[in-house]
Amino acid sequence: GLRGKGARIAERTTGHGIETTEIAVSKTERRRQKDAEKAARKEAAAAEREAAAKAKAEAEAAAAAAEAAAAEEGAAEE
């Protein structure tokens, strides 16, 4: 075909035929997009980690309080 070796290989390995022309778009373009995504994801992950750490501390405090309350209830029932 006219699409070049990479596209043919992609076609053969995936078995999707013409759908895979996208795969052979352009390595540099795809790398650029991936890098941009990666940077955005890293930022989001950092923010999430902070939020998660805060939430975890809160959740642990709440769990401890709940456990204490449950223990008191259990003692009262018996």
Protein backbone atom coordinates (compact mmCIF):
# COMPACT_ATOMS: atom_id res chain seq x y z
CA GLY A 1 0.00 0.00 0.00
CA LEU A 2 0.83 3.66 -0.10
CA ARG A 3 0.80 4.17 3.63
CA GLY A 4 4.28 2.90 4.41
CA LYS A 5 5.80 0.05 6.32
CA GLY A 6 4.78 1.19 9.80
CA ALA A 7 1.12 1.33 8.90
CA ARG A 8 1.26 -2.10 7.27
CA ILE A 9 2.92 -3.60 10.32
CA ALA A 10 0.36 -1.98 12.59
CA GLU A 11 -2.36 -3.35 10.34
CA ARG A 12 -0.94 -6.85 10.44
CA THR A 13 -0.40 -6.95 14.20
CA THR A 14 -3.75 -5.47 15.19
CA GLY A 15 -5.88 -6.98 12.44
CA HIS A 16 -8.08 -3.90 12.30
CA GLY A 17 -7.12 -2.84 8.81
CA ILE A 18 -7.71 0.75 7.91
CA GLU A 19 -8.75 1.75 11.43
CA THR A 20 -5.10 1.56 12.45
CA THR A 21 -3.95 4.31 10.07
CA GLU A 22 -4.26 6.51 13.15
CA ILE A 23 -1.48 4.55 14.83
CA ALA A 24 0.94 5.54 12.07
CA VAL A 25 -0.02 9.22 12.29
CA SER A 26 3.30 10.63 13.44
CA LYS A 27 5.50 9.55 16.29
CA THR A 28 6.58 13.06 17.18
CA GLU A 29 3.00 14.30 17.28
CA ARG A 30 1.92 11.43 19.49
CA ARG A 31 4.93 11.89 21.76
CA ARG A 32 4.09 15.56 22.11
CA GLN A 33 0.53 14.73 23.12
CA LYS A 34 1.70 12.06 25.54
CA ASP A 35 4.17 14.42 27.16
CA ALA A 36 1.49 17.06 27.57
CA GLU A 37 -0.88 14.50 29.06
CA LYS A 38 1.84 13.20 31.34
CA ALA A 39 2.61 16.68 32.65
CA ALA A 40 -1.08 17.36 33.28
CA ARG A 41 -1.49 13.98 34.96
CA LYS A 42 1.53 14.58 37.18
CA GLU A 43 0.10 17.88 38.38
CA ALA A 44 -3.31 16.32 38.97
CA ALA A 45 -1.74 13.40 40.80
CA ALA A 46 0.24 15.71 43.07
CA ALA A 47 -2.89 17.68 43.94
CA GLU A 48 -4.83 14.46 44.43
CA ARG A 49 -2.15 13.04 46.68
CA GLU A 50 -2.33 16.09 48.92
CA ALA A 51 -6.12 15.90 49.05
CA ALA A 52 -5.95 12.16 49.69
CA ALA A 53 -3.49 12.63 52.54
CA LYS A 54 -5.80 15.18 54.14
CA ALA A 55 -8.87 13.02 53.57
CA LYS A 56 -7.05 9.98 54.96
CA ALA A 57 -6.14 11.80 58.16
CA GLU A 58 -9.74 12.93 58.55
CA ALA A 59 -11.08 9.47 57.76
CA GLU A 60 -8.74 7.88 60.29
CA ALA A 61 -9.84 10.31 62.99
CA ALA A 62 -13.48 9.64 62.12
CA ALA A 63 -12.89 5.87 62.14
CA ALA A 64 -11.23 6.06 65.55
CA ALA A 65 -14.17 8.07 66.90
CA ALA A 66 -16.65 5.62 65.37
CA GLU A 67 -14.79 2.66 66.87
CA ALA A 68 -14.82 4.24 70.30
CA ALA A 69 -18.55 4.90 70.01
CA ALA A 70 -19.19 1.35 68.81
CA ALA A 71 -17.17 -0.07 71.70
CA GLU A 72 -19.22 1.96 74.17
CA GLU A 73 -22.48 0.80 72.58
CA GLY A 74 -21.33 -2.82 72.67
CA ALA A 75 -20.47 -2.54 76.36
CA ALA A 76 -23.86 -0.96 77.09
CA GLU A 77 -25.74 -3.73 75.28
CA GLU A 78 -24.15 -6.54 77.26
